[in-house]
Amino acid sequence: MNAESSMKFEDAMKRLEGIVRDLEVGEIEIERALSLFEEGTKLVKICAKKLLKIEKKVEILKKGEDGNDVLELFAGVE
């Protein structure tokens, strides 16, 4: 398991928010800004992958044959 896959979504978002704040201030050297931008891009990808995984696990409501609501997982969820 690499550092990216072990990073929690909340931690990635918190770091990404910090990067955005630093870049918005605009008082950093161009090399540092590029480095932060690259890190932010990686974090966005991590968050997107984690959200997709979570989305696949979300339960949806579906009407059963008897008319009652039945909880069902999205197709293909482990």
Protein backbone atom coordinates (compact mmCIF):
# COMPACT_ATOMS: atom_id res chain seq x y z
CA MET A 1 0.00 0.00 0.00
CA ASN A 2 1.54 3.30 -1.05
CA ALA A 3 1.20 6.65 0.71
CA GLU A 4 -1.44 7.82 -1.75
CA SER A 5 -3.79 4.89 -1.19
CA SER A 6 -3.36 5.07 2.58
CA MET A 7 -4.11 8.80 2.78
CA LYS A 8 -7.53 9.59 4.19
CA PHE A 9 -9.88 11.65 2.04
CA GLU A 10 -10.23 14.28 4.75
CA ASP A 11 -6.46 14.60 5.10
CA ALA A 12 -6.03 14.97 1.34
CA MET A 13 -8.74 17.64 1.23
CA LYS A 14 -7.24 19.54 4.16
CA ARG A 15 -3.82 19.58 2.48
CA LEU A 16 -5.39 20.59 -0.83
CA GLU A 17 -7.19 23.49 0.85
CA GLY A 18 -3.86 24.62 2.34
CA ILE A 19 -2.23 24.51 -1.07
CA VAL A 20 -5.04 26.57 -2.58
CA ARG A 21 -4.66 29.18 0.18
CA ASP A 22 -0.90 29.37 -0.39
CA LEU A 23 -1.34 29.75 -4.15
CA GLU A 24 -4.07 32.39 -3.77
CA VAL A 25 -1.81 34.57 -1.66
CA GLY A 26 0.57 34.73 -4.59
CA GLU A 27 3.59 35.74 -2.54
CA ILE A 28 5.64 32.62 -3.22
CA GLU A 29 8.40 31.92 -5.70
CA ILE A 30 7.39 30.46 -9.05
CA GLU A 31 9.28 27.20 -8.40
CA ARG A 32 7.43 26.73 -5.09
CA ALA A 33 4.12 27.56 -6.77
CA LEU A 34 4.75 24.93 -9.44
CA SER A 35 5.66 22.37 -6.80
CA LEU A 36 2.46 23.12 -4.88
CA PHE A 37 0.42 22.94 -8.07
CA GLU A 38 1.88 19.51 -8.87
CA GLU A 39 1.15 18.27 -5.35
CA GLY A 40 -2.37 19.65 -5.58
CA THR A 41 -2.95 17.86 -8.87
CA LYS A 42 -1.95 14.55 -7.26
CA LEU A 43 -4.24 15.23 -4.31
CA VAL A 44 -7.18 15.97 -6.62
CA LYS A 45 -6.64 12.58 -8.27
CA ILE A 46 -6.47 10.84 -4.89
CA CYS A 47 -9.72 12.51 -3.79
CA ALA A 48 -11.47 11.67 -7.06
CA LYS A 49 -10.49 7.99 -6.77
CA LYS A 50 -11.65 7.83 -3.17
CA LEU A 51 -14.96 9.52 -4.00
CA LEU A 52 -15.57 7.09 -6.85
CA LYS A 53 -14.90 4.15 -4.54
CA ILE A 54 -17.27 5.57 -1.94
CA GLU A 55 -19.91 6.30 -4.56
CA LYS A 56 -19.88 2.66 -5.61
CA LYS A 57 -20.60 1.64 -2.03
CA VAL A 58 -23.49 4.02 -1.49
CA GLU A 59 -26.76 2.27 -0.94
CA ILE A 60 -29.73 3.21 -3.07
CA LEU A 61 -33.40 2.84 -2.33
CA LYS A 62 -35.32 0.58 -4.62
CA LYS A 63 -38.93 -0.50 -4.56
CA GLY A 64 -39.32 -4.20 -3.80
CA GLU A 65 -41.87 -6.47 -5.41
CA ASP A 66 -44.19 -5.88 -2.45
CA GLY A 67 -44.01 -2.10 -2.91
CA ASN A 68 -41.84 -1.52 0.16
CA ASP A 69 -38.51 0.23 -0.03
CA VAL A 70 -35.53 -2.12 -0.14
CA LEU A 71 -31.91 -1.10 0.39
CA GLU A 72 -29.66 -2.31 -2.37
CA LEU A 73 -26.00 -1.73 -3.18
CA PHE A 74 -24.90 -0.39 -6.55
CA ALA A 75 -24.13 -3.20 -8.97
CA GLY A 76 -20.56 -4.43 -8.89
CA VAL A 77 -19.85 -3.44 -5.31
CA GLU A 78 -17.81 -5.96 -3.38
